[in-house]
Amino acid sequence: MQICVLKLSFLLYLTRLV
């Protein structure tokens, strides 16, 4: 479960960078 949240957070972080 935590891994999923971490992945989502990472994706959001990447989107913010772009």
PDB file of N, CA and C in Angstrom:
ATOM      1  N   MET A   1       0.837  -1.209   0.000  1.00  0.00           N
ATOM      2  CA  MET A   1       0.000   0.000   0.000  1.00  0.00           C
ATOM      3  C   MET A   1       0.869   1.255   0.000  1.00  0.00           C
ATOM      4  N   GLN A   2       1.811   1.287   0.912  1.00  0.00           N
ATOM      5  CA  GLN A   2       2.682   2.473   0.998  1.00  0.00           C
ATOM      6  C   GLN A   2       3.454   2.689  -0.305  1.00  0.00           C
ATOM      7  N   ILE A   3       3.865   1.602  -0.918  1.00  0.00           N
ATOM      8  CA  ILE A   3       4.638   1.703  -2.165  1.00  0.00           C
ATOM      9  C   ILE A   3       3.805   2.406  -3.238  1.00  0.00           C
ATOM     10  N   CYS A   4       2.525   2.090  -3.266  1.00  0.00           N
ATOM     11  CA  CYS A   4       1.631   2.695  -4.268  1.00  0.00           C
ATOM     12  C   CYS A   4       1.585   4.216  -4.052  1.00  0.00           C
ATOM     13  N   VAL A   5       1.424   4.613  -2.814  1.00  0.00           N
ATOM     14  CA  VAL A   5       1.361   6.047  -2.486  1.00  0.00           C
ATOM     15  C   VAL A   5       2.679   6.714  -2.856  1.00  0.00           C
ATOM     16  N   LEU A   6       3.754   6.038  -2.580  1.00  0.00           N
ATOM     17  CA  LEU A   6       5.071   6.599  -2.893  1.00  0.00           C
ATOM     18  C   LEU A   6       5.212   6.792  -4.397  1.00  0.00           C
ATOM     19  N   LYS A   7       4.749   5.799  -5.139  1.00  0.00           N
ATOM     20  CA  LYS A   7       4.830   5.882  -6.603  1.00  0.00           C
ATOM     21  C   LYS A   7       3.998   7.057  -7.113  1.00  0.00           C
ATOM     22  N   LEU A   8       2.825   7.208  -6.559  1.00  0.00           N
ATOM     23  CA  LEU A   8       1.936   8.306  -6.971  1.00  0.00           C
ATOM     24  C   LEU A   8       2.591   9.647  -6.651  1.00  0.00           C
ATOM     25  N   SER A   9       3.161   9.731  -5.484  1.00  0.00           N
ATOM     26  CA  SER A   9       3.827  10.969  -5.066  1.00  0.00           C
ATOM     27  C   SER A   9       4.977  11.289  -6.020  1.00  0.00           C
ATOM     28  N   PHE A  10       5.725  10.262  -6.377  1.00  0.00           N
ATOM     29  CA  PHE A  10       6.855  10.445  -7.283  1.00  0.00           C
ATOM     30  C   PHE A  10       6.373  10.939  -8.641  1.00  0.00           C
ATOM     31  N   LEU A  11       5.287  10.362  -9.110  1.00  0.00           N
ATOM     32  CA  LEU A  11       4.713  10.764 -10.405  1.00  0.00           C
ATOM     33  C   LEU A  11       4.280  12.225 -10.346  1.00  0.00           C
ATOM     34  N   LEU A  12       3.649  12.591  -9.270  1.00  0.00           N
ATOM     35  CA  LEU A  12       3.189  13.976  -9.107  1.00  0.00           C
ATOM     36  C   LEU A  12       4.392  14.917  -9.085  1.00  0.00           C
ATOM     37  N   TYR A  13       5.436  14.504  -8.393  1.00  0.00           N
ATOM     38  CA  TYR A  13       6.660  15.310  -8.310  1.00  0.00           C
ATOM     39  C   TYR A  13       7.258  15.519  -9.706  1.00  0.00           C
ATOM     40  N   LEU A  14       7.283  14.466 -10.485  1.00  0.00           N
ATOM     41  CA  LEU A  14       7.825  14.552 -11.849  1.00  0.00           C
ATOM     42  C   LEU A  14       6.981  15.493 -12.693  1.00  0.00           C
ATOM     43  N   THR A  15       5.678  15.365 -12.561  1.00  0.00           N
ATOM     44  CA  THR A  15       4.769  16.228 -13.334  1.00  0.00           C
ATOM     45  C   THR A  15       4.992  17.685 -12.965  1.00  0.00           C
ATOM     46  N   ARG A  16       5.270  17.924 -11.715  1.00  0.00           N
ATOM     47  CA  ARG A  16       5.501  19.310 -11.268  1.00  0.00           C
ATOM     48  C   ARG A  16       6.806  19.851 -11.862  1.00  0.00           C
ATOM     49  N   LEU A  17       7.774  19.001 -11.965  1.00  0.00           N
ATOM     50  CA  LEU A  17       9.069  19.414 -12.516  1.00  0.00           C
ATOM     51  C   LEU A  17       8.934  19.776 -13.990  1.00  0.00           C
ATOM     52  N   VAL A  18       8.161  18.976 -14.694  1.00  0.00           N
ATOM     53  CA  VAL A  18       8.023  19.208 -16.141  1.00  0.00           C
ATOM     54  C   VAL A  18       7.356  20.543 -16.404  1.00  0.00           C
TER      55      VAL A  18
END
